[in-house]
PDB file of N, CA and C in Angstrom:
ATOM      1  N   UNK A   1       0.846  -1.179   0.000  1.00  0.00           N
ATOM      2  CA  UNK A   1       0.000   0.000   0.000  1.00  0.00           C
ATOM      3  C   UNK A   1       0.894   1.246   0.000  1.00  0.00           C
ATOM      4  N   UNK A   2       0.475   2.262  -0.723  1.00  0.00           N
ATOM      5  CA  UNK A   2       1.214   3.531  -0.672  1.00  0.00           C
ATOM      6  C   UNK A   2       1.215   4.077   0.753  1.00  0.00           C
ATOM      7  N   UNK A   3       2.239   4.830   1.054  1.00  0.00           N
ATOM      8  CA  UNK A   3       2.401   5.386   2.395  1.00  0.00           C
ATOM      9  C   UNK A   3       1.153   6.161   2.823  1.00  0.00           C
ATOM     10  N   UNK A   4       0.615   5.818   3.986  1.00  0.00           N
ATOM     11  CA  UNK A   4      -0.535   6.516   4.521  1.00  0.00           C
ATOM     12  C   UNK A   4      -1.879   5.986   4.054  1.00  0.00           C
ATOM     13  N   UNK A   5      -1.891   4.972   3.211  1.00  0.00           N
ATOM     14  CA  UNK A   5      -3.151   4.454   2.670  1.00  0.00           C
ATOM     15  C   UNK A   5      -3.611   3.157   3.337  1.00  0.00           C
ATOM     16  N   UNK A   6      -2.756   2.548   4.124  1.00  0.00           N
ATOM     17  CA  UNK A   6      -3.075   1.244   4.711  1.00  0.00           C
ATOM     18  C   UNK A   6      -4.271   1.313   5.658  1.00  0.00           C
ATOM     19  N   UNK A   7      -4.331   2.333   6.489  1.00  0.00           N
ATOM     20  CA  UNK A   7      -5.430   2.440   7.457  1.00  0.00           C
ATOM     21  C   UNK A   7      -6.763   2.617   6.741  1.00  0.00           C
ATOM     22  N   UNK A   8      -6.795   3.436   5.699  1.00  0.00           N
ATOM     23  CA  UNK A   8      -8.041   3.608   4.944  1.00  0.00           C
ATOM     24  C   UNK A   8      -8.456   2.289   4.284  1.00  0.00           C
ATOM     25  N   UNK A   9      -7.491   1.573   3.731  1.00  0.00           N
ATOM     26  CA  UNK A   9      -7.803   0.287   3.086  1.00  0.00           C
ATOM     27  C   UNK A   9      -8.297  -0.719   4.113  1.00  0.00           C
ATOM     28  N   UNK A  10      -7.701  -0.711   5.292  1.00  0.00           N
ATOM     29  CA  UNK A  10      -8.129  -1.619   6.367  1.00  0.00           C
ATOM     30  C   UNK A  10      -9.579  -1.347   6.726  1.00  0.00           C
ATOM     31  N   UNK A  11      -9.941  -0.092   6.808  1.00  0.00           N
ATOM     32  CA  UNK A  11     -11.326   0.255   7.148  1.00  0.00           C
ATOM     33  C   UNK A  11     -12.297  -0.191   6.055  1.00  0.00           C
ATOM     34  N   UNK A  12     -11.892  -0.041   4.810  1.00  0.00           N
ATOM     35  CA  UNK A  12     -12.729  -0.498   3.695  1.00  0.00           C
ATOM     36  C   UNK A  12     -12.953  -2.005   3.775  1.00  0.00           C
ATOM     37  N   UNK A  13     -11.865  -2.748   4.032  1.00  0.00           N
ATOM     38  CA  UNK A  13     -11.982  -4.207   4.133  1.00  0.00           C
ATOM     39  C   UNK A  13     -12.834  -4.614   5.330  1.00  0.00           C
ATOM     40  N   UNK A  14     -12.697  -3.911   6.454  1.00  0.00           N
ATOM     41  CA  UNK A  14     -13.488  -4.225   7.644  1.00  0.00           C
ATOM     42  C   UNK A  14     -14.970  -3.994   7.379  1.00  0.00           C
ATOM     43  N   UNK A  15     -15.294  -2.895   6.721  1.00  0.00           N
ATOM     44  CA  UNK A  15     -16.697  -2.621   6.399  1.00  0.00           C
ATOM     45  C   UNK A  15     -17.260  -3.674   5.446  1.00  0.00           C
ATOM     46  N   UNK A  16     -16.453  -4.069   4.481  1.00  0.00           N
ATOM     47  CA  UNK A  16     -16.871  -5.124   3.540  1.00  0.00           C
ATOM     48  C   UNK A  16     -17.111  -6.442   4.279  1.00  0.00           C
ATOM     49  N   UNK A  17     -16.206  -6.772   5.180  1.00  0.00           N
ATOM     50  CA  UNK A  17     -16.330  -8.002   5.964  1.00  0.00           C
ATOM     51  C   UNK A  17     -17.586  -7.978   6.822  1.00  0.00           C
ATOM     52  N   UNK A  18     -17.873  -6.839   7.452  1.00  0.00           N
ATOM     53  CA  UNK A  18     -19.041  -6.740   8.324  1.00  0.00           C
ATOM     54  C   UNK A  18     -20.353  -6.854   7.556  1.00  0.00           C
ATOM     55  N   UNK A  19     -20.336  -6.553   6.273  1.00  0.00           N
ATOM     56  CA  UNK A  19     -21.542  -6.699   5.448  1.00  0.00           C
ATOM     57  C   UNK A  19     -21.726  -8.142   4.964  1.00  0.00           C
ATOM     58  N   UNK A  20     -20.724  -8.954   5.137  1.00  0.00           N
ATOM     59  CA  UNK A  20     -20.792 -10.352   4.673  1.00  0.00           C
ATOM     60  C   UNK A  20     -21.779 -11.146   5.530  1.00  0.00           C
ATOM     61  N   UNK A  21     -22.292 -12.253   4.992  1.00  0.00           N
ATOM     62  CA  UNK A  21     -23.212 -13.106   5.771  1.00  0.00           C
ATOM     63  C   UNK A  21     -22.532 -13.697   7.011  1.00  0.00           C
ATOM     64  N   UNK A  22     -23.342 -14.053   7.987  1.00  0.00           N
ATOM     65  CA  UNK A  22     -22.831 -14.627   9.248  1.00  0.00           C
ATOM     66  C   UNK A  22     -21.984 -15.872   9.005  1.00  0.00           C
ATOM     67  N   UNK A  23     -22.371 -16.691   8.045  1.00  0.00           N
ATOM     68  CA  UNK A  23     -21.605 -17.908   7.766  1.00  0.00           C
ATOM     69  C   UNK A  23     -20.174 -17.563   7.338  1.00  0.00           C
ATOM     70  N   UNK A  24     -20.000 -16.446   6.667  1.00  0.00           N
ATOM     71  CA  UNK A  24     -18.657 -15.999   6.275  1.00  0.00           C
ATOM     72  C   UNK A  24     -17.841 -15.646   7.512  1.00  0.00           C
ATOM     73  N   UNK A  25     -18.472 -15.005   8.488  1.00  0.00           N
ATOM     74  CA  UNK A  25     -17.777 -14.673   9.731  1.00  0.00           C
ATOM     75  C   UNK A  25     -17.307 -15.944  10.435  1.00  0.00           C
ATOM     76  N   UNK A  26     -18.193 -16.928  10.532  1.00  0.00           N
ATOM     77  CA  UNK A  26     -17.832 -18.188  11.205  1.00  0.00           C
ATOM     78  C   UNK A  26     -16.701 -18.896  10.462  1.00  0.00           C
ATOM     79  N   UNK A  27     -16.825 -18.991   9.150  1.00  0.00           N
ATOM     80  CA  UNK A  27     -15.809 -19.697   8.374  1.00  0.00           C
ATOM     81  C   UNK A  27     -14.463 -18.985   8.396  1.00  0.00           C
ATOM     82  N   UNK A  28     -14.493 -17.662   8.418  1.00  0.00           N
ATOM     83  CA  UNK A  28     -13.242 -16.904   8.512  1.00  0.00           C
ATOM     84  C   UNK A  28     -12.559 -17.189   9.838  1.00  0.00           C
ATOM     85  N   UNK A  29     -13.342 -17.213  10.906  1.00  0.00           N
ATOM     86  CA  UNK A  29     -12.780 -17.511  12.227  1.00  0.00           C
ATOM     87  C   UNK A  29     -12.159 -18.908  12.238  1.00  0.00           C
ATOM     88  N   UNK A  30     -12.884 -19.874  11.715  1.00  0.00           N
ATOM     89  CA  UNK A  30     -12.374 -21.249  11.666  1.00  0.00           C
ATOM     90  C   UNK A  30     -11.066 -21.303  10.869  1.00  0.00           C
ATOM     91  N   UNK A  31     -11.030 -20.592   9.771  1.00  0.00           N
ATOM     92  CA  UNK A  31      -9.846 -20.583   8.911  1.00  0.00           C
ATOM     93  C   UNK A  31      -8.607 -20.126   9.671  1.00  0.00           C
ATOM     94  N   UNK A  32      -8.761 -19.121  10.525  1.00  0.00           N
ATOM     95  CA  UNK A  32      -7.613 -18.602  11.251  1.00  0.00           C
ATOM     96  C   UNK A  32      -7.333 -19.343  12.555  1.00  0.00           C
ATOM     97  N   UNK A  33      -8.350 -19.890  13.197  1.00  0.00           N
ATOM     98  CA  UNK A  33      -8.179 -20.541  14.494  1.00  0.00           C
ATOM     99  C   UNK A  33      -7.713 -21.993  14.359  1.00  0.00           C
ATOM    100  N   UNK A  34      -8.158 -22.692  13.341  1.00  0.00           N
ATOM    101  CA  UNK A  34      -7.863 -24.119  13.209  1.00  0.00           C
ATOM    102  C   UNK A  34      -6.365 -24.434  13.227  1.00  0.00           C
ATOM    103  N   UNK A  35      -5.524 -23.718  12.488  1.00  0.00           N
ATOM    104  CA  UNK A  35      -4.088 -24.030  12.559  1.00  0.00           C
ATOM    105  C   UNK A  35      -3.511 -23.833  13.960  1.00  0.00           C
ATOM    106  N   UNK A  36      -4.028 -22.852  14.700  1.00  0.00           N
ATOM    107  CA  UNK A  36      -3.556 -22.649  16.074  1.00  0.00           C
ATOM    108  C   UNK A  36      -3.951 -23.825  16.960  1.00  0.00           C
ATOM    109  N   UNK A  37      -5.194 -24.297  16.806  1.00  0.00           N
ATOM    110  CA  UNK A  37      -5.650 -25.451  17.591  1.00  0.00           C
ATOM    111  C   UNK A  37      -4.814 -26.690  17.268  1.00  0.00           C
ATOM    112  N   UNK A  38      -4.546 -26.914  15.993  1.00  0.00           N
ATOM    113  CA  UNK A  38      -3.756 -28.076  15.591  1.00  0.00           C
ATOM    114  C   UNK A  38      -2.354 -28.017  16.187  1.00  0.00           C
ATOM    115  N   UNK A  39      -1.756 -26.843  16.169  1.00  0.00           N
ATOM    116  CA  UNK A  39      -0.410 -26.707  16.727  1.00  0.00           C
ATOM    117  C   UNK A  39      -0.416 -26.940  18.235  1.00  0.00           C
ATOM    118  N   UNK A  40      -1.425 -26.425  18.921  1.00  0.00           N
ATOM    119  CA  UNK A  40      -1.537 -26.662  20.360  1.00  0.00           C
ATOM    120  C   UNK A  40      -1.608 -28.150  20.672  1.00  0.00           C
ATOM    121  N   UNK A  41      -2.468 -28.847  19.953  1.00  0.00           N
ATOM    122  CA  UNK A  41      -2.637 -30.281  20.179  1.00  0.00           C
ATOM    123  C   UNK A  41      -1.329 -31.018  19.905  1.00  0.00           C
ATOM    124  N   UNK A  42      -0.647 -30.621  18.849  1.00  0.00           N
ATOM    125  CA  UNK A  42       0.588 -31.286  18.448  1.00  0.00           C
ATOM    126  C   UNK A  42       1.708 -31.044  19.456  1.00  0.00           C
ATOM    127  N   UNK A  43       1.788 -29.834  20.012  1.00  0.00           N
ATOM    128  CA  UNK A  43       2.938 -29.480  20.835  1.00  0.00           C
ATOM    129  C   UNK A  43       2.712 -29.600  22.332  1.00  0.00           C
ATOM    130  N   UNK A  44       1.476 -29.564  22.783  1.00  0.00           N
ATOM    131  CA  UNK A  44       1.226 -29.651  24.218  1.00  0.00           C
ATOM    132  C   UNK A  44       1.636 -31.018  24.758  1.00  0.00           C
ATOM    133  N   UNK A  45       1.342 -32.059  24.018  1.00  0.00           N
ATOM    134  CA  UNK A  45       1.734 -33.397  24.465  1.00  0.00           C
ATOM    135  C   UNK A  45       3.228 -33.507  24.675  1.00  0.00           C
ATOM    136  N   UNK A  46       4.005 -32.943  23.773  1.00  0.00           N
ATOM    137  CA  UNK A  46       5.458 -32.972  23.902  1.00  0.00           C
ATOM    138  C   UNK A  46       5.891 -32.184  25.131  1.00  0.00           C
ATOM    139  N   UNK A  47       5.291 -31.015  25.340  1.00  0.00           N
ATOM    140  CA  UNK A  47       5.631 -30.200  26.501  1.00  0.00           C
ATOM    141  C   UNK A  47       5.293 -30.898  27.805  1.00  0.00           C
ATOM    142  N   UNK A  48       4.144 -31.566  27.827  1.00  0.00           N
ATOM    143  CA  UNK A  48       3.755 -32.295  29.034  1.00  0.00           C
ATOM    144  C   UNK A  48       4.704 -33.453  29.308  1.00  0.00           C
ATOM    145  N   UNK A  49       5.160 -34.124  28.271  1.00  0.00           N
ATOM    146  CA  UNK A  49       6.099 -35.227  28.492  1.00  0.00           C
ATOM    147  C   UNK A  49       7.427 -34.701  29.030  1.00  0.00           C
ATOM    148  N   UNK A  50       7.860 -33.531  28.564  1.00  0.00           N
ATOM    149  CA  UNK A  50       9.089 -32.933  29.106  1.00  0.00           C
ATOM    150  C   UNK A  50       8.907 -32.557  30.572  1.00  0.00           C
ATOM    151  N   UNK A  51       7.748 -32.006  30.905  1.00  0.00           N
ATOM    152  CA  UNK A  51       7.479 -31.660  32.299  1.00  0.00           C
ATOM    153  C   UNK A  51       7.476 -32.913  33.171  1.00  0.00           C
ATOM    154  N   UNK A  52       6.866 -33.984  32.677  1.00  0.00           N
ATOM    155  CA  UNK A  52       6.836 -35.235  33.434  1.00  0.00           C
ATOM    156  C   UNK A  52       8.223 -35.790  33.657  1.00  0.00           C
ATOM    157  N   UNK A  53       9.050 -35.754  32.632  1.00  0.00           N
ATOM    158  CA  UNK A  53      10.425 -36.246  32.769  1.00  0.00           C
ATOM    159  C   UNK A  53      11.196 -35.392  33.772  1.00  0.00           C
ATOM    160  N   UNK A  54      11.005 -34.079  33.719  1.00  0.00           N
ATOM    161  CA  UNK A  54      11.688 -33.195  34.672  1.00  0.00           C
ATOM    162  C   UNK A  54      11.222 -33.470  36.097  1.00  0.00           C
ATOM    163  N   UNK A  55       9.915 -33.647  36.275  1.00  0.00           N
ATOM    164  CA  UNK A  55       9.377 -33.924  37.606  1.00  0.00           C
ATOM    165  C   UNK A  55       9.912 -35.248  38.144  1.00  0.00           C
ATOM    166  N   UNK A  56       9.966 -36.257  37.296  1.00  0.00           N
ATOM    167  CA  UNK A  56      10.484 -37.565  37.723  1.00  0.00           C
ATOM    168  C   UNK A  56      11.947 -37.450  38.133  1.00  0.00           C
ATOM    169  N   UNK A  57      12.718 -36.691  37.368  1.00  0.00           N
ATOM    170  CA  UNK A  57      14.125 -36.500  37.691  1.00  0.00           C
ATOM    171  C   UNK A  57      14.278 -35.744  39.001  1.00  0.00           C
ATOM    172  N   UNK A  58      13.430 -34.746  39.231  1.00  0.00           N
ATOM    173  CA  UNK A  58      13.474 -33.983  40.472  1.00  0.00           C
ATOM    174  C   UNK A  58      13.179 -34.878  41.669  1.00  0.00           C
ATOM    175  N   UNK A  59      12.152 -35.702  41.557  1.00  0.00           N
ATOM    176  CA  UNK A  59      11.803 -36.620  42.650  1.00  0.00           C
ATOM    177  C   UNK A  59      12.957 -37.584  42.905  1.00  0.00           C
ATOM    178  N   UNK A  60      13.531 -38.099  41.841  1.00  0.00           N
ATOM    179  CA  UNK A  60      14.650 -39.036  41.974  1.00  0.00           C
ATOM    180  C   UNK A  60      15.840 -38.372  42.674  1.00  0.00           C
ATOM    181  N   UNK A  61      16.157 -37.124  42.298  1.00  0.00           N
ATOM    182  CA  UNK A  61      17.290 -36.440  42.933  1.00  0.00           C
ATOM    183  C   UNK A  61      16.991 -36.106  44.390  1.00  0.00           C
ATOM    184  N   UNK A  62      15.731 -35.778  44.707  1.00  0.00           N
ATOM    185  CA  UNK A  62      15.374 -35.490  46.098  1.00  0.00           C
ATOM    186  C   UNK A  62      15.465 -36.746  46.955  1.00  0.00           C
ATOM    187  N   UNK A  63      15.057 -37.880  46.378  1.00  0.00           N
ATOM    188  CA  UNK A  63      15.143 -39.142  47.112  1.00  0.00           C
ATOM    189  C   UNK A  63      16.597 -39.523  47.339  1.00  0.00           C
ATOM    190  N   UNK A  64      17.461 -39.266  46.369  1.00  0.00           N
ATOM    191  CA  UNK A  64      18.876 -39.592  46.512  1.00  0.00           C
ATOM    192  C   UNK A  64      19.519 -38.746  47.606  1.00  0.00           C
ATOM    193  N   UNK A  65      19.112 -37.496  47.734  1.00  0.00           N
ATOM    194  CA  UNK A  65      19.665 -36.607  48.761  1.00  0.00           C
ATOM    195  C   UNK A  65      19.202 -36.991  50.157  1.00  0.00           C
ATOM    196  N   UNK A  66      17.964 -37.504  50.256  1.00  0.00           N
ATOM    197  CA  UNK A  66      17.428 -37.824  51.590  1.00  0.00           C
ATOM    198  C   UNK A  66      17.878 -39.197  52.084  1.00  0.00           C
ATOM    199  N   UNK A  67      18.574 -39.939  51.259  1.00  0.00           N
ATOM    200  CA  UNK A  67      19.054 -41.241  51.667  1.00  0.00           C
ATOM    201  C   UNK A  67      18.060 -42.333  51.354  1.00  0.00           C
ATOM    202  N   UNK A  68      18.365 -43.546  51.756  1.00  0.00           N
ATOM    203  CA  UNK A  68      17.473 -44.680  51.461  1.00  0.00           C
ATOM    204  C   UNK A  68      16.137 -44.506  52.165  1.00  0.00           C
ATOM    205  N   UNK A  69      15.108 -44.913  51.468  1.00  0.00           N
ATOM    206  CA  UNK A  69      13.763 -44.798  52.058  1.00  0.00           C
ATOM    207  C   UNK A  69      13.509 -45.985  52.975  1.00  0.00           C
ATOM    208  N   UNK A  70      12.727 -45.729  54.011  1.00  0.00           N
ATOM    209  CA  UNK A  70      12.373 -46.770  54.979  1.00  0.00           C
ATOM    210  C   UNK A  70      10.938 -47.175  54.734  1.00  0.00           C
ATOM    211  N   UNK A  71      10.720 -48.278  54.082  1.00  0.00           N
ATOM    212  CA  UNK A  71       9.357 -48.720  53.780  1.00  0.00           C
ATOM    213  C   UNK A  71       8.950 -49.814  54.679  1.00  0.00           C
TER     214      UNK A  71
END
């Protein structure tokens, strides 16, 4: 966009979008949100497994410092 014209163009596009049918609003939202949801699902499991491994290591190191357990 030429310098200083982007804001006016953004407003034109926003007005055009707001005149669109409701189904267009829903589908536009899905279009932008779906990749974020997929990435969350894909990466959260990995993050949780790292947290679990760290927690297990922490417990193991704490047990080693406290000496043998008396069961």
